[in-house]
Protein backbone atom coordinates (compact mmCIF):
# COMPACT_ATOMS: atom_id res chain seq x y z
CA MET A 1 5.49 -9.12 2.91
CA ARG A 2 6.28 -6.16 5.78
CA ARG A 3 5.61 -7.39 9.63
CA GLU A 4 7.10 -4.38 11.04
CA CYS A 5 5.08 -4.03 13.84
CA LYS A 6 6.72 -2.47 16.52
CA GLU A 7 7.87 1.25 15.07
CA GLY A 8 8.03 3.68 17.68
CA GLY A 9 8.23 1.22 20.50
CA GLN A 10 4.33 1.71 20.66
CA THR A 11 2.57 -1.60 22.62
CA ASN A 12 -1.25 -0.48 21.63
CA ARG A 13 -2.90 -3.45 20.20
CA ILE A 14 -6.02 -3.66 17.93
CA LYS A 15 -8.20 -6.60 16.51
CA MET A 16 -9.25 -5.82 13.06
CA LYS A 17 -9.00 -6.92 9.49
CA LEU A 18 -8.32 -3.48 7.56
CA VAL A 19 -7.56 -2.63 3.77
CA PHE A 20 -6.66 0.51 2.88
CA LEU A 21 -7.59 1.64 -0.89
CA GLY A 22 -6.03 4.63 -2.52
CA PRO A 23 -4.42 5.80 -5.92
CA PRO A 24 -0.88 5.46 -6.81
CA GLY A 25 0.74 8.20 -4.44
CA SER A 26 -2.07 8.20 -1.94
CA GLY A 27 0.50 7.48 0.92
CA LYS A 28 -1.52 4.67 2.04
CA GLY A 29 1.56 1.96 1.94
CA THR A 30 3.26 4.68 4.12
CA GLN A 31 0.01 4.84 6.55
CA ALA A 32 -0.18 1.32 6.71
CA LYS A 33 3.26 0.73 7.50
CA LEU A 34 2.49 3.31 11.02
CA LEU A 35 -0.58 2.16 11.45
CA CYS A 36 0.76 -1.64 12.24
CA GLY A 37 3.44 -0.23 13.46
CA ARG A 38 1.34 1.88 16.63
CA TYR A 39 -0.98 -1.33 16.80
CA SER A 40 1.23 -4.25 16.24
CA ILE A 41 -0.46 -6.06 13.73
CA PRO A 42 1.34 -7.27 10.41
CA GLN A 43 1.10 -5.55 7.46
CA ILE A 44 0.97 -7.17 3.89
CA SER A 45 2.07 -4.67 1.18
CA THR A 46 1.51 -7.02 -1.99
CA GLY A 47 3.78 -3.76 -3.80
CA ASP A 48 6.58 -5.28 -1.53
CA ILE A 49 6.34 -9.13 -2.34
CA LEU A 50 5.73 -7.90 -6.29
CA ARG A 51 8.87 -5.97 -6.03
CA GLN A 52 10.82 -8.73 -4.76
CA ALA A 53 9.82 -11.49 -6.66
CA VAL A 54 11.22 -9.10 -9.72
CA ARG A 55 14.82 -8.32 -7.97
CA ASP A 56 14.65 -12.12 -7.25
CA HIS A 57 13.71 -13.15 -11.14
CA THR A 58 10.95 -15.81 -9.59
CA PRO A 59 8.29 -16.94 -12.38
CA LEU A 60 6.20 -15.29 -10.50
CA GLY A 61 8.22 -11.92 -10.39
CA GLU A 62 9.11 -12.24 -14.61
CA GLN A 63 5.13 -12.25 -14.88
CA ALA A 64 4.16 -9.39 -12.74
CA LYS A 65 7.20 -7.14 -13.85
CA ALA A 66 5.88 -7.20 -17.56
CA TYR A 67 2.48 -5.63 -16.04
CA MET A 68 4.57 -3.43 -13.57
CA ASP A 69 6.79 -2.03 -16.30
CA GLN A 70 3.27 -0.61 -17.88
CA GLY A 71 1.81 0.82 -15.22
CA LEU A 72 -1.06 -2.12 -14.71
CA LEU A 73 -2.12 -4.08 -12.24
CA VAL A 74 -1.14 -7.23 -11.81
CA SER A 75 -3.63 -10.36 -12.69
CA ASP A 76 -6.17 -11.48 -10.43
CA ASP A 77 -5.07 -14.92 -10.34
CA LEU A 78 -1.51 -13.71 -9.39
CA ILE A 79 -2.39 -11.89 -6.76
CA ILE A 80 -5.30 -13.80 -4.96
CA GLY A 81 -2.62 -16.90 -5.20
CA ILE A 82 -0.42 -14.86 -2.59
CA ILE A 83 -2.08 -13.07 -0.46
CA ALA A 84 -3.97 -16.36 0.49
CA GLU A 85 -0.51 -17.49 1.55
CA CYS A 86 -0.14 -14.82 3.04
CA LEU A 87 -3.18 -14.64 5.61
CA ARG A 88 -2.59 -18.13 6.40
CA LYS A 89 0.33 -17.52 8.74
CA SER A 90 0.05 -17.72 12.25
CA ASP A 91 0.90 -13.53 13.03
CA CYS A 92 -2.44 -12.79 11.17
CA GLY A 93 -5.22 -14.67 13.13
CA GLU A 94 -5.77 -11.61 15.55
CA GLY A 95 -6.07 -9.01 12.36
CA TYR A 96 -3.86 -7.17 9.93
CA ILE A 97 -3.84 -4.60 7.01
CA LEU A 98 -3.50 -5.27 3.48
CA ASP A 99 -1.96 -2.63 1.63
CA GLY A 100 -2.58 -2.75 -2.26
CA PHE A 101 -4.92 -5.50 -2.03
CA PRO A 102 -7.87 -6.25 -3.23
CA ARG A 103 -7.88 -3.97 -6.08
CA THR A 104 -10.55 -5.45 -8.40
CA VAL A 105 -14.24 -6.47 -6.83
CA PRO A 106 -13.87 -10.07 -7.99
CA GLN A 107 -10.62 -10.02 -5.60
CA ALA A 108 -12.57 -8.65 -2.93
CA GLU A 109 -15.06 -11.46 -3.84
CA ALA A 110 -12.56 -13.86 -3.60
CA LEU A 111 -11.11 -12.70 -0.47
CA GLU A 112 -14.32 -12.72 0.75
CA GLN A 113 -15.11 -16.86 -0.48
CA SER A 114 -12.11 -17.55 1.16
CA GLY A 115 -13.50 -16.67 4.57
CA GLU A 116 -11.26 -13.52 5.63
CA VAL A 117 -14.54 -10.99 6.94
CA LEU A 118 -13.01 -7.13 7.02
CA ASP A 119 -13.36 -4.84 9.21
CA HIS A 120 -12.83 -1.76 8.10
CA VAL A 121 -11.62 0.04 4.64
CA PHE A 122 -10.28 3.22 4.15
CA LEU A 123 -9.79 4.97 1.45
CA LEU A 124 -6.98 7.67 1.08
CA GLU A 125 -8.48 10.83 -0.96
CA VAL A 126 -5.93 13.23 -3.40
CA ALA A 127 -6.19 15.40 -6.21
CA GLU A 128 -4.65 13.85 -8.85
CA ALA A 129 -2.27 17.11 -9.79
CA GLU A 130 -0.44 16.29 -5.90
CA LEU A 131 -0.42 12.21 -6.85
CA VAL A 132 1.73 12.80 -10.27
CA GLY A 133 3.93 15.57 -7.77
CA ARG A 134 4.00 12.80 -5.26
CA LEU A 135 5.40 10.10 -7.43
CA THR A 136 7.49 11.41 -10.11
CA GLY A 137 9.66 12.86 -6.93
CA ARG A 138 9.71 9.54 -5.45
CA ARG A 139 13.07 8.23 -5.41
CA VAL A 140 14.35 4.12 -4.05
CA CYS A 141 17.71 2.93 -2.40
CA SER A 142 18.92 0.89 -4.79
CA SER A 143 20.74 -1.76 -2.63
CA CYS A 144 18.23 -1.62 1.06
CA ASN A 145 15.38 -0.15 -0.71
CA GLN A 146 14.77 2.82 1.53
CA GLU A 147 12.26 5.55 -0.04
CA TYR A 148 13.44 9.22 -0.14
CA HIS A 149 11.62 11.91 -1.79
CA ILE A 150 13.00 15.12 -3.78
CA GLN A 151 10.98 17.82 -2.39
CA PHE A 152 9.60 16.07 0.69
CA TYR A 153 12.13 13.80 1.99
CA PRO A 154 15.36 14.57 0.24
CA PRO A 155 18.35 12.88 1.24
CA SER A 156 21.31 14.34 3.24
CA ARG A 157 23.39 13.73 -0.27
CA GLU A 158 21.87 14.01 -3.68
CA GLY A 159 21.19 10.72 -5.36
CA TYR A 160 22.64 8.64 -2.24
CA CYS A 161 20.95 6.80 0.80
CA ASP A 162 21.88 8.22 3.96
CA ARG A 163 20.94 4.77 5.73
CA CYS A 164 23.76 2.55 3.82
CA GLY A 165 25.04 5.02 0.72
CA GLY A 166 23.64 3.20 -2.14
CA GLU A 167 22.39 4.99 -5.33
CA LEU A 168 18.69 6.45 -5.92
CA LEU A 169 17.17 5.25 -8.21
CA GLN A 170 13.57 6.43 -9.88
CA ARG A 171 11.43 3.31 -10.32
CA LYS A 172 9.73 3.03 -13.78
CA ASP A 173 6.40 3.10 -12.44
CA ASP A 174 7.38 6.50 -10.94
CA LYS A 175 7.84 8.02 -14.34
CA GLU A 176 5.35 10.35 -15.83
CA GLU A 177 4.64 8.82 -19.17
CA THR A 178 3.66 5.36 -16.64
CA ILE A 179 1.94 7.50 -13.95
CA GLY A 180 -0.81 8.49 -16.16
CA HIS A 181 -1.18 4.90 -16.91
CA ARG A 182 -1.37 3.88 -13.57
CA LEU A 183 -4.16 6.46 -12.84
CA VAL A 184 -6.23 5.14 -15.40
CA GLU A 185 -6.25 1.73 -14.26
CA TYR A 186 -7.16 2.83 -11.26
CA GLU A 187 -9.89 4.63 -12.06
CA ARG A 188 -11.24 1.69 -14.41
CA ARG A 189 -10.77 -0.81 -12.02
CA THR A 190 -9.78 -0.08 -8.47
CA LYS A 191 -12.23 2.31 -7.96
CA SER A 192 -14.95 0.27 -8.40
CA LEU A 193 -14.14 -0.92 -4.55
CA VAL A 194 -15.07 2.66 -3.20
CA ASP A 195 -19.14 1.47 -4.27
CA TYR A 196 -18.39 -2.07 -3.36
CA TYR A 197 -17.00 -1.48 0.42
CA GLY A 198 -19.63 1.54 0.30
CA GLY A 199 -22.37 -0.77 0.27
CA LYS A 200 -21.45 -2.64 2.88
CA GLY A 201 -21.34 -0.21 5.32
CA LYS A 202 -17.07 -0.36 5.74
CA LEU A 203 -15.75 2.04 3.84
CA ARG A 204 -13.73 4.85 5.56
CA ARG A 205 -13.25 8.36 3.48
CA ILE A 206 -9.64 10.33 4.66
CA ALA A 207 -8.34 13.26 3.28
CA GLY A 208 -5.47 12.46 1.52
CA ASP A 209 -3.40 15.73 2.07
CA GLY A 210 -1.00 17.52 4.18
CA ASN A 211 1.91 15.71 5.99
CA LEU A 212 2.55 12.34 7.51
CA GLU A 213 1.09 12.52 11.06
CA THR A 214 -1.62 15.05 9.65
CA ILE A 215 -3.03 11.83 7.60
CA SER A 216 -2.15 9.04 10.63
CA GLY A 217 -3.92 11.24 13.13
CA ARG A 218 -6.96 11.29 10.82
CA ILE A 219 -6.73 7.09 10.55
CA ARG A 220 -6.31 6.62 14.46
CA GLN A 221 -9.56 9.41 14.90
CA GLU A 222 -11.42 7.48 12.71
CA LEU A 223 -10.59 3.99 14.18
CA GLU A 224 -11.20 5.83 17.99
CA ASP A 225 -14.70 7.45 16.97
CA ILE A 226 -15.05 3.61 15.56
CA ASP A 227 -14.87 2.27 19.25
CA ARG A 228 -17.03 4.32 20.67
């Protein structure tokens, strides 16, 4: 779970419970991290939690790996238990950003039944062709997990991490044959959340094209408009 909440020396604070939705490659994790740093609330990334469990060969990680290697979503039971434990942490009391959860309507309903009341749900919208390009070009350091992109954020030395010198690898779920499965899964299960949260008046659509700062600016503007 990420809790990087002091990035850039920002001291702004918001007391909101937010969710970031979007297909694989939409940049929701990156944008959640930027917002977390700006407003000093914790980011809870289920993707990070699961990948760490896989690396540590925990029982949860072994179960999750079978799903992830095929580009499938991890079962509701596994995810709901993880998130419930995370949200009981004291630093989540005044707000948080959920990244990667909920991904299905049953998960959203379970979150509500636990007593959590979300303020807003941001949906990052990106064309499918751009999503494929973003995902296939992503590389991750085998040692420190720093992320790069061969086109948008390449390392100084091809194939090696600038931070620690570790070898850069392409994750199995970022390979083109797996990406298709991931996008189909998103359409089949996660996209139903758009109607679910839209019906509750919580959905905020954000254009996910452009550079990181442009997209981040759109999200900040939306938050400022909400506060008016």
